[in-house]
Amino acid sequence: MNMSVLTLQEYEFEKQFNENEAIQWMQENWKKSFLFSALYAAFIFGGRHLMNKRAKFELRKPLVLWSLTLAVFRRHNIHHSEEAEADLPALVPPHHCAPVLLTSLLVWGCSGRRLLATTLKTA
């Protein structure tokens, strides 16, 4: 199999990165991580406490539509990437596409059918 070599190039911001300046900034600001972690936890648990008294949103139908749209879009892209494969250098072996499709089908088969059936019963 003819595999071309993928060479990685540095971006401009990577070339200009100053490691010593970054280390100094982290040493001066490491305490802020505890503050932001505490604020995050307060926001999550406080929000949960506030939302307990509210009526829940019925999002099952929009989420089923969203999941189906993603599945169709993914399948469409896989199909077109397979068509364009002849025009591109072989950076990824073709057998790497199969697990993506198989995973999509298994996820849809395990959860999608049950979710769709439940949605159609409640409609």
PDB file of N, CA and C in Angstrom:
ATOM      1  N   MET A   1       0.854  -1.175   0.000  1.00  0.00           N
ATOM      2  CA  MET A   1       0.000   0.000   0.000  1.00  0.00           C
ATOM      3  C   MET A   1       0.897   1.233   0.000  1.00  0.00           C
ATOM      4  N   ASN A   2       0.594   2.168  -0.853  1.00  0.00           N
ATOM      5  CA  ASN A   2       1.383   3.385  -0.963  1.00  0.00           C
ATOM      6  C   ASN A   2       0.860   4.416   0.028  1.00  0.00           C
ATOM      7  N   MET A   3       1.632   4.700   1.031  1.00  0.00           N
ATOM      8  CA  MET A   3       1.229   5.670   2.052  1.00  0.00           C
ATOM      9  C   MET A   3       2.136   6.890   1.962  1.00  0.00           C
ATOM     10  N   SER A   4       1.531   8.058   1.773  1.00  0.00           N
ATOM     11  CA  SER A   4       2.357   9.261   1.778  1.00  0.00           C
ATOM     12  C   SER A   4       2.627   9.668   3.223  1.00  0.00           C
ATOM     13  N   VAL A   5       3.699  10.358   3.422  1.00  0.00           N
ATOM     14  CA  VAL A   5       4.103  10.766   4.762  1.00  0.00           C
ATOM     15  C   VAL A   5       3.431  12.092   5.088  1.00  0.00           C
ATOM     16  N   LEU A   6       2.807  12.154   6.225  1.00  0.00           N
ATOM     17  CA  LEU A   6       2.152  13.374   6.680  1.00  0.00           C
ATOM     18  C   LEU A   6       3.147  14.173   7.505  1.00  0.00           C
ATOM     19  N   THR A   7       3.505  15.336   7.015  1.00  0.00           N
ATOM     20  CA  THR A   7       4.432  16.186   7.760  1.00  0.00           C
ATOM     21  C   THR A   7       3.643  17.274   8.459  1.00  0.00           C
ATOM     22  N   LEU A   8       3.938  17.469   9.717  1.00  0.00           N
ATOM     23  CA  LEU A   8       3.256  18.491  10.501  1.00  0.00           C
ATOM     24  C   LEU A   8       4.064  19.772  10.471  1.00  0.00           C
ATOM     25  N   GLN A   9       3.383  20.879  10.248  1.00  0.00           N
ATOM     26  CA  GLN A   9       4.043  22.175  10.214  1.00  0.00           C
ATOM     27  C   GLN A   9       3.598  22.988  11.411  1.00  0.00           C
ATOM     28  N   GLU A  10       4.493  23.824  11.902  1.00  0.00           N
ATOM     29  CA  GLU A  10       4.154  24.682  13.030  1.00  0.00           C
ATOM     30  C   GLU A  10       3.320  25.862  12.551  1.00  0.00           C
ATOM     31  N   TYR A  11       2.341  26.231  13.361  1.00  0.00           N
ATOM     32  CA  TYR A  11       1.586  27.449  13.101  1.00  0.00           C
ATOM     33  C   TYR A  11       2.412  28.642  13.572  1.00  0.00           C
ATOM     34  N   GLU A  12       2.008  29.817  13.129  1.00  0.00           N
ATOM     35  CA  GLU A  12       2.765  31.020  13.466  1.00  0.00           C
ATOM     36  C   GLU A  12       2.786  31.268  14.975  1.00  0.00           C
ATOM     37  N   PHE A  13       1.642  31.053  15.659  1.00  0.00           N
ATOM     38  CA  PHE A  13       1.610  31.286  17.108  1.00  0.00           C
ATOM     39  C   PHE A  13       2.485  30.286  17.854  1.00  0.00           C
ATOM     40  N   GLU A  14       2.679  29.090  17.288  1.00  0.00           N
ATOM     41  CA  GLU A  14       3.567  28.115  17.923  1.00  0.00           C
ATOM     42  C   GLU A  14       5.031  28.540  17.794  1.00  0.00           C
ATOM     43  N   LYS A  15       5.365  29.169  16.684  1.00  0.00           N
ATOM     44  CA  LYS A  15       6.735  29.638  16.486  1.00  0.00           C
ATOM     45  C   LYS A  15       7.069  30.785  17.436  1.00  0.00           C
ATOM     46  N   GLN A  16       6.044  31.584  17.790  1.00  0.00           N
ATOM     47  CA  GLN A  16       6.259  32.762  18.631  1.00  0.00           C
ATOM     48  C   GLN A  16       6.035  32.482  20.118  1.00  0.00           C
ATOM     49  N   PHE A  17       5.757  31.221  20.479  1.00  0.00           N
ATOM     50  CA  PHE A  17       5.457  30.880  21.866  1.00  0.00           C
ATOM     51  C   PHE A  17       6.694  31.053  22.743  1.00  0.00           C
ATOM     52  N   ASN A  18       6.511  31.767  23.840  1.00  0.00           N
ATOM     53  CA  ASN A  18       7.608  32.001  24.781  1.00  0.00           C
ATOM     54  C   ASN A  18       7.361  31.123  26.007  1.00  0.00           C
ATOM     55  N   GLU A  19       8.104  30.056  26.124  1.00  0.00           N
ATOM     56  CA  GLU A  19       7.902  29.082  27.192  1.00  0.00           C
ATOM     57  C   GLU A  19       8.175  29.679  28.568  1.00  0.00           C
ATOM     58  N   ASN A  20       9.219  30.470  28.709  1.00  0.00           N
ATOM     59  CA  ASN A  20       9.551  31.052  30.012  1.00  0.00           C
ATOM     60  C   ASN A  20       8.468  32.015  30.487  1.00  0.00           C
ATOM     61  N   GLU A  21       7.919  32.790  29.559  1.00  0.00           N
ATOM     62  CA  GLU A  21       6.832  33.715  29.910  1.00  0.00           C
ATOM     63  C   GLU A  21       5.587  32.947  30.350  1.00  0.00           C
ATOM     64  N   ALA A  22       5.293  31.849  29.674  1.00  0.00           N
ATOM     65  CA  ALA A  22       4.136  31.030  30.033  1.00  0.00           C
ATOM     66  C   ALA A  22       4.311  30.402  31.416  1.00  0.00           C
ATOM     67  N   ILE A  23       5.497  29.909  31.694  1.00  0.00           N
ATOM     68  CA  ILE A  23       5.772  29.306  33.002  1.00  0.00           C
ATOM     69  C   ILE A  23       5.640  30.358  34.103  1.00  0.00           C
ATOM     70  N   GLN A  24       6.151  31.542  33.861  1.00  0.00           N
ATOM     71  CA  GLN A  24       6.049  32.619  34.850  1.00  0.00           C
ATOM     72  C   GLN A  24       4.580  32.970  35.108  1.00  0.00           C
ATOM     73  N   TRP A  25       3.775  33.061  34.030  1.00  0.00           N
ATOM     74  CA  TRP A  25       2.352  33.386  34.185  1.00  0.00           C
ATOM     75  C   TRP A  25       1.646  32.305  35.004  1.00  0.00           C
ATOM     76  N   MET A  26       1.951  31.038  34.738  1.00  0.00           N
ATOM     77  CA  MET A  26       1.317  29.940  35.486  1.00  0.00           C
ATOM     78  C   MET A  26       1.718  29.957  36.951  1.00  0.00           C
ATOM     79  N   GLN A  27       2.960  30.282  37.241  1.00  0.00           N
ATOM     80  CA  GLN A  27       3.413  30.342  38.630  1.00  0.00           C
ATOM     81  C   GLN A  27       2.734  31.492  39.377  1.00  0.00           C
ATOM     82  N   GLU A  28       2.438  32.591  38.695  1.00  0.00           N
ATOM     83  CA  GLU A  28       1.789  33.730  39.336  1.00  0.00           C
ATOM     84  C   GLU A  28       0.284  33.537  39.497  1.00  0.00           C
ATOM     85  N   ASN A  29      -0.341  32.730  38.651  1.00  0.00           N
ATOM     86  CA  ASN A  29      -1.803  32.649  38.615  1.00  0.00           C
ATOM     87  C   ASN A  29      -2.379  31.284  38.958  1.00  0.00           C
ATOM     88  N   TRP A  30      -1.600  30.370  39.520  1.00  0.00           N
ATOM     89  CA  TRP A  30      -2.116  29.035  39.778  1.00  0.00           C
ATOM     90  C   TRP A  30      -3.248  29.033  40.797  1.00  0.00           C
ATOM     91  N   LYS A  31      -3.292  30.021  41.686  1.00  0.00           N
ATOM     92  CA  LYS A  31      -4.341  30.073  42.711  1.00  0.00           C
ATOM     93  C   LYS A  31      -5.710  30.363  42.112  1.00  0.00           C
ATOM     94  N   LYS A  32      -5.733  31.001  40.962  1.00  0.00           N
ATOM     95  CA  LYS A  32      -7.013  31.323  40.314  1.00  0.00           C
ATOM     96  C   LYS A  32      -7.782  30.074  39.910  1.00  0.00           C
ATOM     97  N   SER A  33      -7.079  28.970  39.675  1.00  0.00           N
ATOM     98  CA  SER A  33      -7.771  27.740  39.282  1.00  0.00           C
ATOM     99  C   SER A  33      -8.710  27.264  40.384  1.00  0.00           C
ATOM    100  N   PHE A  34      -8.326  27.464  41.650  1.00  0.00           N
ATOM    101  CA  PHE A  34      -9.193  27.072  42.764  1.00  0.00           C
ATOM    102  C   PHE A  34     -10.428  27.974  42.825  1.00  0.00           C
ATOM    103  N   LEU A  35     -10.242  29.258  42.588  1.00  0.00           N
ATOM    104  CA  LEU A  35     -11.371  30.187  42.580  1.00  0.00           C
ATOM    105  C   LEU A  35     -12.363  29.821  41.481  1.00  0.00           C
ATOM    106  N   PHE A  36     -11.853  29.598  40.275  1.00  0.00           N
ATOM    107  CA  PHE A  36     -12.744  29.256  39.164  1.00  0.00           C
ATOM    108  C   PHE A  36     -13.407  27.897  39.362  1.00  0.00           C
ATOM    109  N   SER A  37     -12.717  26.953  39.972  1.00  0.00           N
ATOM    110  CA  SER A  37     -13.320  25.647  40.264  1.00  0.00           C
ATOM    111  C   SER A  37     -14.458  25.786  41.264  1.00  0.00           C
ATOM    112  N   ALA A  38     -14.266  26.604  42.289  1.00  0.00           N
ATOM    113  CA  ALA A  38     -15.317  26.830  43.293  1.00  0.00           C
ATOM    114  C   ALA A  38     -16.513  27.542  42.664  1.00  0.00           C
ATOM    115  N   LEU A  39     -16.255  28.536  41.837  1.00  0.00           N
ATOM    116  CA  LEU A  39     -17.359  29.234  41.152  1.00  0.00           C
ATOM    117  C   LEU A  39     -18.125  28.290  40.241  1.00  0.00           C
ATOM    118  N   TYR A  40     -17.411  27.423  39.541  1.00  0.00           N
ATOM    119  CA  TYR A  40     -18.048  26.450  38.659  1.00  0.00           C
ATOM    120  C   TYR A  40     -18.943  25.500  39.455  1.00  0.00           C
ATOM    121  N   ALA A  41     -18.423  24.973  40.565  1.00  0.00           N
ATOM    122  CA  ALA A  41     -19.210  24.055  41.399  1.00  0.00           C
ATOM    123  C   ALA A  41     -20.443  24.761  41.964  1.00  0.00           C
ATOM    124  N   ALA A  42     -20.281  26.009  42.414  1.00  0.00           N
ATOM    125  CA  ALA A  42     -21.431  26.767  42.935  1.00  0.00           C
ATOM    126  C   ALA A  42     -22.461  26.989  41.846  1.00  0.00           C
ATOM    127  N   PHE A  43     -22.013  27.285  40.653  1.00  0.00           N
ATOM    128  CA  PHE A  43     -22.935  27.503  39.535  1.00  0.00           C
ATOM    129  C   PHE A  43     -23.701  26.225  39.205  1.00  0.00           C
ATOM    130  N   ILE A  44     -23.002  25.092  39.139  1.00  0.00           N
ATOM    131  CA  ILE A  44     -23.648  23.825  38.786  1.00  0.00           C
ATOM    132  C   ILE A  44     -24.641  23.399  39.863  1.00  0.00           C
ATOM    133  N   PHE A  45     -24.202  23.361  41.129  1.00  0.00           N
ATOM    134  CA  PHE A  45     -25.097  22.884  42.183  1.00  0.00           C
ATOM    135  C   PHE A  45     -26.174  23.908  42.518  1.00  0.00           C
ATOM    136  N   GLY A  46     -25.841  25.185  42.433  1.00  0.00           N
ATOM    137  CA  GLY A  46     -26.860  26.217  42.639  1.00  0.00           C
ATOM    138  C   GLY A  46     -27.902  26.197  41.539  1.00  0.00           C
ATOM    139  N   GLY A  47     -27.461  26.011  40.318  1.00  0.00           N
ATOM    140  CA  GLY A  47     -28.395  25.915  39.192  1.00  0.00           C
ATOM    141  C   GLY A  47     -29.288  24.703  39.309  1.00  0.00           C
ATOM    142  N   ARG A  48     -28.731  23.602  39.755  1.00  0.00           N
ATOM    143  CA  ARG A  48     -29.534  22.387  39.945  1.00  0.00           C
ATOM    144  C   ARG A  48     -30.612  22.633  41.011  1.00  0.00           C
ATOM    145  N   HIS A  49     -30.228  23.322  42.090  1.00  0.00           N
ATOM    146  CA  HIS A  49     -31.183  23.615  43.161  1.00  0.00           C
ATOM    147  C   HIS A  49     -32.305  24.527  42.652  1.00  0.00           C
ATOM    148  N   LEU A  50     -31.957  25.534  41.879  1.00  0.00           N
ATOM    149  CA  LEU A  50     -32.958  26.452  41.338  1.00  0.00           C
ATOM    150  C   LEU A  50     -33.876  25.786  40.323  1.00  0.00           C
ATOM    151  N   MET A  51     -33.328  24.867  39.539  1.00  0.00           N
ATOM    152  CA  MET A  51     -34.107  24.248  38.464  1.00  0.00           C
ATOM    153  C   MET A  51     -34.981  23.091  38.955  1.00  0.00           C
ATOM    154  N   ASN A  52     -34.802  22.621  40.191  1.00  0.00           N
ATOM    155  CA  ASN A  52     -35.625  21.526  40.704  1.00  0.00           C
ATOM    156  C   ASN A  52     -37.106  21.869  40.723  1.00  0.00           C
ATOM    157  N   LYS A  53     -37.434  23.124  40.932  1.00  0.00           N
ATOM    158  CA  LYS A  53     -38.831  23.530  41.082  1.00  0.00           C
ATOM    159  C   LYS A  53     -39.492  23.866  39.747  1.00  0.00           C
ATOM    160  N   ARG A  54     -38.750  23.894  38.686  1.00  0.00           N
ATOM    161  CA  ARG A  54     -39.299  24.238  37.376  1.00  0.00           C
ATOM    162  C   ARG A  54     -39.799  22.997  36.650  1.00  0.00           C
ATOM    163  N   ALA A  55     -40.737  23.216  35.731  1.00  0.00           N
ATOM    164  CA  ALA A  55     -41.220  22.120  34.891  1.00  0.00           C
ATOM    165  C   ALA A  55     -40.136  21.750  33.885  1.00  0.00           C
ATOM    166  N   LYS A  56     -40.029  20.460  33.582  1.00  0.00           N
ATOM    167  CA  LYS A  56     -38.981  20.036  32.663  1.00  0.00           C
ATOM    168  C   LYS A  56     -39.378  20.360  31.223  1.00  0.00           C
ATOM    169  N   PHE A  57     -38.354  20.552  30.396  1.00  0.00           N
ATOM    170  CA  PHE A  57     -38.577  20.783  28.973  1.00  0.00           C
ATOM    171  C   PHE A  57     -38.810  19.451  28.289  1.00  0.00           C
ATOM    172  N   GLU A  58     -39.714  19.426  27.332  1.00  0.00           N
ATOM    173  CA  GLU A  58     -39.935  18.232  26.520  1.00  0.00           C
ATOM    174  C   GLU A  58     -39.073  18.344  25.265  1.00  0.00           C
ATOM    175  N   LEU A  59     -37.892  17.753  25.326  1.00  0.00           N
ATOM    176  CA  LEU A  59     -36.932  17.880  24.235  1.00  0.00           C
ATOM    177  C   LEU A  59     -36.731  16.589  23.457  1.00  0.00           C
ATOM    178  N   ARG A  60     -37.536  15.574  23.740  1.00  0.00           N
ATOM    179  CA  ARG A  60     -37.315  14.282  23.089  1.00  0.00           C
ATOM    180  C   ARG A  60     -37.426  14.381  21.565  1.00  0.00           C
ATOM    181  N   LYS A  61     -38.473  15.022  21.053  1.00  0.00           N
ATOM    182  CA  LYS A  61     -38.645  15.108  19.599  1.00  0.00           C
ATOM    183  C   LYS A  61     -37.548  15.938  18.932  1.00  0.00           C
ATOM    184  N   PRO A  62     -37.211  17.128  19.452  1.00  0.00           N
ATOM    185  CA  PRO A  62     -36.110  17.870  18.817  1.00  0.00           C
ATOM    186  C   PRO A  62     -34.780  17.120  18.868  1.00  0.00           C
ATOM    187  N   LEU A  63     -34.527  16.376  19.953  1.00  0.00           N
ATOM    188  CA  LEU A  63     -33.276  15.635  20.045  1.00  0.00           C
ATOM    189  C   LEU A  63     -33.240  14.445  19.087  1.00  0.00           C
ATOM    190  N   VAL A  64     -34.391  13.790  18.873  1.00  0.00           N
ATOM    191  CA  VAL A  64     -34.446  12.710  17.882  1.00  0.00           C
ATOM    192  C   VAL A  64     -34.178  13.277  16.497  1.00  0.00           C
ATOM    193  N   LEU A  65     -34.809  14.409  16.180  1.00  0.00           N
ATOM    194  CA  LEU A  65     -34.574  15.053  14.886  1.00  0.00           C
ATOM    195  C   LEU A  65     -33.105  15.444  14.742  1.00  0.00           C
ATOM    196  N   TRP A  66     -32.517  15.994  15.784  1.00  0.00           N
ATOM    197  CA  TRP A  66     -31.105  16.375  15.773  1.00  0.00           C
ATOM    198  C   TRP A  66     -30.206  15.148  15.539  1.00  0.00           C
ATOM    199  N   SER A  67     -30.480  14.053  16.227  1.00  0.00           N
ATOM    200  CA  SER A  67     -29.674  12.845  16.074  1.00  0.00           C
ATOM    201  C   SER A  67     -29.793  12.265  14.669  1.00  0.00           C
ATOM    202  N   LEU A  68     -31.007  12.252  14.132  1.00  0.00           N
ATOM    203  CA  LEU A  68     -31.192  11.750  12.776  1.00  0.00           C
ATOM    204  C   LEU A  68     -30.461  12.630  11.763  1.00  0.00           C
ATOM    205  N   THR A  69     -30.536  13.933  11.957  1.00  0.00           N
ATOM    206  CA  THR A  69     -29.845  14.857  11.055  1.00  0.00           C
ATOM    207  C   THR A  69     -28.342  14.619  11.104  1.00  0.00           C
ATOM    208  N   LEU A  70     -27.792  14.439  12.296  1.00  0.00           N
ATOM    209  CA  LEU A  70     -26.360  14.164  12.412  1.00  0.00           C
ATOM    210  C   LEU A  70     -25.985  12.846  11.737  1.00  0.00           C
ATOM    211  N   ALA A  71     -26.818  11.819  11.901  1.00  0.00           N
ATOM    212  CA  ALA A  71     -26.532  10.525  11.286  1.00  0.00           C
ATOM    213  C   ALA A  71     -26.551  10.629   9.762  1.00  0.00           C
ATOM    214  N   VAL A  72     -27.553  11.320   9.224  1.00  0.00           N
ATOM    215  CA  VAL A  72     -27.639  11.491   7.768  1.00  0.00           C
ATOM    216  C   VAL A  72     -26.457  12.309   7.265  1.00  0.00           C
ATOM    217  N   PHE A  73     -26.118  13.377   7.956  1.00  0.00           N
ATOM    218  CA  PHE A  73     -24.997  14.218   7.556  1.00  0.00           C
ATOM    219  C   PHE A  73     -23.687  13.431   7.586  1.00  0.00           C
ATOM    220  N   ARG A  74     -23.501  12.632   8.616  1.00  0.00           N
ATOM    221  CA  ARG A  74     -22.279  11.830   8.743  1.00  0.00           C
ATOM    222  C   ARG A  74     -22.191  10.815   7.611  1.00  0.00           C
ATOM    223  N   ARG A  75     -23.298  10.140   7.329  1.00  0.00           N
ATOM    224  CA  ARG A  75     -23.308   9.147   6.247  1.00  0.00           C
ATOM    225  C   ARG A  75     -23.044   9.824   4.907  1.00  0.00           C
ATOM    226  N   HIS A  76     -23.621  10.982   4.698  1.00  0.00           N
ATOM    227  CA  HIS A  76     -23.417  11.748   3.469  1.00  0.00           C
ATOM    228  C   HIS A  76     -21.935  12.101   3.315  1.00  0.00           C
ATOM    229  N   ASN A  77     -21.315  12.556   4.385  1.00  0.00           N
ATOM    230  CA  ASN A  77     -19.894  12.918   4.327  1.00  0.00           C
ATOM    231  C   ASN A  77     -19.006  11.707   4.107  1.00  0.00           C
ATOM    232  N   ILE A  78     -19.330  10.588   4.726  1.00  0.00           N
ATOM    233  CA  ILE A  78     -18.546   9.371   4.507  1.00  0.00           C
ATOM    234  C   ILE A  78     -18.634   8.957   3.050  1.00  0.00           C
ATOM    235  N   HIS A  79     -19.839   9.032   2.489  1.00  0.00           N
ATOM    236  CA  HIS A  79     -20.040   8.651   1.087  1.00  0.00           C
ATOM    237  C   HIS A  79     -19.207   9.540   0.167  1.00  0.00           C
ATOM    238  N   HIS A  80     -19.264  10.845   0.399  1.00  0.00           N
ATOM    239  CA  HIS A  80     -18.519  11.764  -0.466  1.00  0.00           C
ATOM    240  C   HIS A  80     -17.016  11.693  -0.236  1.00  0.00           C
ATOM    241  N   SER A  81     -16.590  11.380   0.971  1.00  0.00           N
ATOM    242  CA  SER A  81     -15.155  11.241   1.204  1.00  0.00           C
ATOM    243  C   SER A  81     -14.623   9.987   0.530  1.00  0.00           C
ATOM    244  N   GLU A  82     -15.458   8.949   0.452  1.00  0.00           N
ATOM    245  CA  GLU A  82     -15.046   7.741  -0.267  1.00  0.00           C
ATOM    246  C   GLU A  82     -14.928   8.015  -1.763  1.00  0.00           C
ATOM    247  N   GLU A  83     -15.823   8.849  -2.319  1.00  0.00           N
ATOM    248  CA  GLU A  83     -15.757   9.200  -3.734  1.00  0.00           C
ATOM    249  C   GLU A  83     -14.510  10.024  -4.039  1.00  0.00           C
ATOM    250  N   ALA A  84     -14.162  10.935  -3.124  1.00  0.00           N
ATOM    251  CA  ALA A  84     -13.026  11.824  -3.355  1.00  0.00           C
ATOM    252  C   ALA A  84     -11.696  11.179  -3.002  1.00  0.00           C
ATOM    253  N   GLU A  85     -11.734   9.976  -2.455  1.00  0.00           N
ATOM    254  CA  GLU A  85     -10.519   9.320  -2.004  1.00  0.00           C
ATOM    255  C   GLU A  85      -9.518   9.100  -3.133  1.00  0.00           C
ATOM    256  N   ALA A  86      -9.999   8.872  -4.338  1.00  0.00           N
ATOM    257  CA  ALA A  86      -9.108   8.625  -5.465  1.00  0.00           C
ATOM    258  C   ALA A  86      -8.314   9.877  -5.828  1.00  0.00           C
ATOM    259  N   ASP A  87      -8.873  11.061  -5.545  1.00  0.00           N
ATOM    260  CA  ASP A  87      -8.211  12.309  -5.892  1.00  0.00           C
ATOM    261  C   ASP A  87      -7.204  12.759  -4.842  1.00  0.00           C
ATOM    262  N   LEU A  88      -7.287  12.222  -3.641  1.00  0.00           N
ATOM    263  CA  LEU A  88      -6.429  12.661  -2.538  1.00  0.00           C
ATOM    264  C   LEU A  88      -5.318  11.661  -2.279  1.00  0.00           C
ATOM    265  N   PRO A  89      -4.184  12.130  -1.738  1.00  0.00           N
ATOM    266  CA  PRO A  89      -3.162  11.167  -1.327  1.00  0.00           C
ATOM    267  C   PRO A  89      -3.678  10.336  -0.157  1.00  0.00           C
ATOM    268  N   ALA A  90      -3.232   9.123  -0.086  1.00  0.00           N
ATOM    269  CA  ALA A  90      -3.717   8.197   0.947  1.00  0.00           C
ATOM    270  C   ALA A  90      -3.063   8.516   2.282  1.00  0.00           C
ATOM    271  N   LEU A  91      -3.649   9.447   3.028  1.00  0.00           N
ATOM    272  CA  LEU A  91      -3.143   9.786   4.356  1.00  0.00           C
ATOM    273  C   LEU A  91      -3.699   8.847   5.409  1.00  0.00           C
ATOM    274  N   VAL A  92      -4.944   8.407   5.197  1.00  0.00           N
ATOM    275  CA  VAL A  92      -5.597   7.501   6.133  1.00  0.00           C
ATOM    276  C   VAL A  92      -5.984   6.243   5.364  1.00  0.00           C
ATOM    277  N   PRO A  93      -5.595   5.083   5.830  1.00  0.00           N
ATOM    278  CA  PRO A  93      -5.979   3.854   5.133  1.00  0.00           C
ATOM    279  C   PRO A  93      -7.497   3.732   5.058  1.00  0.00           C
ATOM    280  N   PRO A  94      -8.050   3.191   3.962  1.00  0.00           N
ATOM    281  CA  PRO A  94      -9.506   3.109   3.789  1.00  0.00           C
ATOM    282  C   PRO A  94     -10.202   2.310   4.875  1.00  0.00           C
ATOM    283  N   HIS A  95      -9.522   1.340   5.493  1.00  0.00           N
ATOM    284  CA  HIS A  95     -10.185   0.527   6.512  1.00  0.00           C
ATOM    285  C   HIS A  95     -10.474   1.327   7.784  1.00  0.00           C
ATOM    286  N   HIS A  96      -9.964   2.572   7.900  1.00  0.00           N
ATOM    287  CA  HIS A  96     -10.271   3.397   9.069  1.00  0.00           C
ATOM    288  C   HIS A  96     -11.664   3.986   9.004  1.00  0.00           C
ATOM    289  N   CYS A  97     -12.292   4.026   7.809  1.00  0.00           N
ATOM    290  CA  CYS A  97     -13.646   4.562   7.672  1.00  0.00           C
ATOM    291  C   CYS A  97     -14.691   3.570   8.162  1.00  0.00           C
ATOM    292  N   ALA A  98     -14.393   2.276   8.065  1.00  0.00           N
ATOM    293  CA  ALA A  98     -15.373   1.259   8.434  1.00  0.00           C
ATOM    294  C   ALA A  98     -15.789   1.338   9.901  1.00  0.00           C
ATOM    295  N   PRO A  99     -14.870   1.514  10.873  1.00  0.00           N
ATOM    296  CA  PRO A  99     -15.307   1.590  12.268  1.00  0.00           C
ATOM    297  C   PRO A  99     -16.244   2.763  12.541  1.00  0.00           C
ATOM    298  N   VAL A 100     -16.070   3.885  11.823  1.00  0.00           N
ATOM    299  CA  VAL A 100     -16.945   5.033  12.027  1.00  0.00           C
ATOM    300  C   VAL A 100     -18.361   4.680  11.623  1.00  0.00           C
ATOM    301  N   LEU A 101     -18.529   4.066  10.459  1.00  0.00           N
ATOM    302  CA  LEU A 101     -19.857   3.684  10.001  1.00  0.00           C
ATOM    303  C   LEU A 101     -20.451   2.613  10.906  1.00  0.00           C
ATOM    304  N   LEU A 102     -19.646   1.620  11.281  1.00  0.00           N
ATOM    305  CA  LEU A 102     -20.131   0.558  12.154  1.00  0.00           C
ATOM    306  C   LEU A 102     -20.573   1.107  13.503  1.00  0.00           C
ATOM    307  N   THR A 103     -19.789   2.032  14.066  1.00  0.00           N
ATOM    308  CA  THR A 103     -20.155   2.646  15.344  1.00  0.00           C
ATOM    309  C   THR A 103     -21.459   3.414  15.208  1.00  0.00           C
ATOM    310  N   SER A 104     -21.621   4.169  14.114  1.00  0.00           N
ATOM    311  CA  SER A 104     -22.863   4.921  13.897  1.00  0.00           C
ATOM    312  C   SER A 104     -24.055   3.990  13.838  1.00  0.00           C
ATOM    313  N   LEU A 105     -23.899   2.888  13.128  1.00  0.00           N
ATOM    314  CA  LEU A 105     -25.015   1.940  13.001  1.00  0.00           C
ATOM    315  C   LEU A 105     -25.334   1.274  14.327  1.00  0.00           C
ATOM    316  N   LEU A 106     -24.298   0.925  15.089  1.00  0.00           N
ATOM    317  CA  LEU A 106     -24.544   0.291  16.390  1.00  0.00           C
ATOM    318  C   LEU A 106     -25.230   1.247  17.355  1.00  0.00           C
ATOM    319  N   VAL A 107     -24.788   2.494  17.376  1.00  0.00           N
ATOM    320  CA  VAL A 107     -25.407   3.471  18.273  1.00  0.00           C
ATOM    321  C   VAL A 107     -26.855   3.678  17.877  1.00  0.00           C
ATOM    322  N   TRP A 108     -27.112   3.824  16.580  1.00  0.00           N
ATOM    323  CA  TRP A 108     -28.495   4.008  16.135  1.00  0.00           C
ATOM    324  C   TRP A 108     -29.302   2.753  16.441  1.00  0.00           C
ATOM    325  N   GLY A 109     -28.722   1.588  16.231  1.00  0.00           N
ATOM    326  CA  GLY A 109     -29.446   0.343  16.465  1.00  0.00           C
ATOM    327  C   GLY A 109     -29.781   0.137  17.932  1.00  0.00           C
ATOM    328  N   CYS A 110     -28.874   0.511  18.826  1.00  0.00           N
ATOM    329  CA  CYS A 110     -29.094   0.268  20.248  1.00  0.00           C
ATOM    330  C   CYS A 110     -29.997   1.308  20.887  1.00  0.00           C
ATOM    331  N   SER A 111     -29.801   2.571  20.556  1.00  0.00           N
ATOM    332  CA  SER A 111     -30.556   3.606  21.259  1.00  0.00           C
ATOM    333  C   SER A 111     -31.566   4.308  20.367  1.00  0.00           C
ATOM    334  N   GLY A 112     -31.247   4.465  19.111  1.00  0.00           N
ATOM    335  CA  GLY A 112     -32.098   5.244  18.211  1.00  0.00           C
ATOM    336  C   GLY A 112     -33.458   4.629  17.974  1.00  0.00           C
ATOM    337  N   ARG A 113     -33.492   3.314  17.748  1.00  0.00           N
ATOM    338  CA  ARG A 113     -34.782   2.677  17.498  1.00  0.00           C
ATOM    339  C   ARG A 113     -35.693   2.768  18.713  1.00  0.00           C
ATOM    340  N   ARG A 114     -35.133   2.527  19.886  1.00  0.00           N
ATOM    341  CA  ARG A 114     -35.939   2.611  21.111  1.00  0.00           C
ATOM    342  C   ARG A 114     -36.424   4.041  21.339  1.00  0.00           C
ATOM    343  N   LEU A 115     -35.557   5.007  21.106  1.00  0.00           N
ATOM    344  CA  LEU A 115     -35.916   6.413  21.281  1.00  0.00           C
ATOM    345  C   LEU A 115     -36.987   6.828  20.276  1.00  0.00           C
ATOM    346  N   LEU A 116     -36.824   6.398  19.022  1.00  0.00           N
ATOM    347  CA  LEU A 116     -37.804   6.742  18.001  1.00  0.00           C
ATOM    348  C   LEU A 116     -39.149   6.099  18.302  1.00  0.00           C
ATOM    349  N   ALA A 117     -39.148   4.834  18.727  1.00  0.00           N
ATOM    350  CA  ALA A 117     -40.401   4.149  19.057  1.00  0.00           C
ATOM    351  C   ALA A 117     -41.105   4.830  20.217  1.00  0.00           C
ATOM    352  N   THR A 118     -40.362   5.221  21.238  1.00  0.00           N
ATOM    353  CA  THR A 118     -40.943   5.923  22.381  1.00  0.00           C
ATOM    354  C   THR A 118     -41.524   7.271  21.943  1.00  0.00           C
ATOM    355  N   THR A 119     -40.817   7.960  21.082  1.00  0.00           N
ATOM    356  CA  THR A 119     -41.287   9.264  20.608  1.00  0.00           C
ATOM    357  C   THR A 119     -42.562   9.122  19.796  1.00  0.00           C
ATOM    358  N   LEU A 120     -42.603   8.116  18.925  1.00  0.00           N
ATOM    359  CA  LEU A 120     -43.793   7.936  18.094  1.00  0.00           C
ATOM    360  C   LEU A 120     -45.003   7.517  18.923  1.00  0.00           C
ATOM    361  N   LYS A 121     -44.783   6.766  20.013  1.00  0.00           N
ATOM    362  CA  LYS A 121     -45.891   6.378  20.893  1.00  0.00           C
ATOM    363  C   LYS A 121     -46.474   7.579  21.615  1.00  0.00           C
ATOM    364  N   THR A 122     -45.618   8.531  21.991  1.00  0.00           N
ATOM    365  CA  THR A 122     -46.097   9.690  22.747  1.00  0.00           C
ATOM    366  C   THR A 122     -46.645  10.776  21.856  1.00  0.00           C
ATOM    367  N   ALA A 123     -46.420  10.672  20.559  1.00  0.00           N
ATOM    368  CA  ALA A 123     -46.874  11.727  19.630  1.00  0.00           C
ATOM    369  C   ALA A 123     -48.370  11.692  19.428  1.00  0.00           C
TER     370      ALA A 123
END
